[in-house]
């Protein structure tokens, strides 16, 4: 049980560690760089938007895994009590 808690805490810490990533295609990056060089600020949020959209599948998968684990744990405990 202690190992599972440590694994869960480690997974959560790794999930929330963020680094600045360049998650853009070549064309998007070129447009943003040109936009920023001319003084506009419209392209500054593009990378954050891409990362924002990328995060949701991981969040959904994590929530599903946690709910699955809790349901399985509940089912196993009810089988042991009978």
Protein backbone atom coordinates (compact mmCIF):
# COMPACT_ATOMS: atom_id res chain seq x y z
CA UNK A 1 0.00 0.00 0.00
CA UNK A 2 2.85 2.38 0.82
CA UNK A 3 4.41 1.75 -2.60
CA UNK A 4 1.13 2.63 -4.32
CA UNK A 5 0.87 5.90 -2.41
CA UNK A 6 4.45 6.80 -3.31
CA UNK A 7 3.78 5.95 -6.96
CA UNK A 8 0.62 8.08 -6.95
CA UNK A 9 2.38 11.07 -5.36
CA UNK A 10 5.30 10.75 -7.79
CA UNK A 11 2.91 10.59 -10.74
CA UNK A 12 1.06 13.69 -9.59
CA UNK A 13 4.31 15.62 -9.08
CA UNK A 14 5.56 14.63 -12.54
CA UNK A 15 2.20 15.58 -14.05
CA UNK A 16 2.34 19.09 -12.64
CA UNK A 17 5.99 19.83 -13.43
CA UNK A 18 5.90 22.19 -16.35
CA UNK A 19 8.61 23.34 -18.67
CA UNK A 20 8.46 25.76 -21.54
CA UNK A 21 7.96 23.65 -24.65
CA UNK A 22 7.94 24.67 -28.27
CA UNK A 23 4.96 22.59 -29.35
CA UNK A 24 4.33 24.23 -32.69
CA UNK A 25 4.52 23.23 -36.32
CA UNK A 26 7.05 24.99 -38.54
CA UNK A 27 4.47 27.22 -40.21
CA UNK A 28 2.85 28.29 -36.95
CA UNK A 29 6.25 29.06 -35.45
CA UNK A 30 7.28 31.13 -38.48
CA UNK A 31 4.05 33.16 -38.39
CA UNK A 32 4.38 33.79 -34.66
CA UNK A 33 8.04 34.83 -34.95
CA UNK A 34 7.21 37.22 -37.79
CA UNK A 35 4.27 38.57 -35.82
CA UNK A 36 6.39 39.18 -32.73
CA UNK A 37 9.20 40.80 -34.75
CA UNK A 38 6.78 43.37 -36.14
CA UNK A 39 5.67 44.31 -32.65
CA UNK A 40 2.31 42.56 -32.47
CA UNK A 41 1.45 40.49 -29.42
CA UNK A 42 -1.23 38.26 -30.97
CA UNK A 43 1.14 35.32 -31.38
CA UNK A 44 2.31 35.18 -27.78
CA UNK A 45 -0.58 32.99 -26.64
CA UNK A 46 -0.38 30.46 -29.47
CA UNK A 47 2.09 28.15 -27.76
CA UNK A 48 0.14 28.28 -24.49
CA UNK A 49 -3.06 27.51 -26.40
CA UNK A 50 -1.50 24.45 -28.00
CA UNK A 51 -0.25 23.20 -24.64
CA UNK A 52 -3.68 23.92 -23.11
CA UNK A 53 -5.43 21.81 -25.74
CA UNK A 54 -2.82 19.07 -25.41
CA UNK A 55 -3.33 18.79 -21.64
CA UNK A 56 -7.00 17.77 -21.70
CA UNK A 57 -6.55 14.21 -23.04
CA UNK A 58 -3.96 13.56 -20.33
CA UNK A 59 -6.21 14.99 -17.64
CA UNK A 60 -9.14 12.90 -18.88
CA UNK A 61 -7.02 9.74 -18.96
CA UNK A 62 -5.75 10.42 -15.44
CA UNK A 63 -9.26 10.95 -14.09
CA UNK A 64 -10.44 7.77 -15.81
CA UNK A 65 -7.51 5.79 -14.34
CA UNK A 66 -8.19 7.10 -10.83
CA UNK A 67 -11.90 6.30 -11.06
CA UNK A 68 -11.11 2.85 -12.46
CA UNK A 69 -8.66 2.20 -9.61
CA UNK A 70 -11.15 3.32 -6.96
CA UNK A 71 -13.95 1.22 -8.48
CA UNK A 72 -11.70 -1.83 -8.69
CA UNK A 73 -10.57 -1.31 -5.10
CA UNK A 74 -14.21 -1.00 -3.97
CA UNK A 75 -15.18 -4.18 -5.85
CA UNK A 76 -12.25 -6.15 -4.41
CA UNK A 77 -13.02 -5.04 -0.87
CA UNK A 78 -16.69 -6.01 -1.23
CA UNK A 79 -15.67 -9.47 -2.53
CA UNK A 80 -13.35 -9.99 0.44
CA UNK A 81 -16.05 -9.04 2.95
CA UNK A 82 -18.52 -11.63 1.60
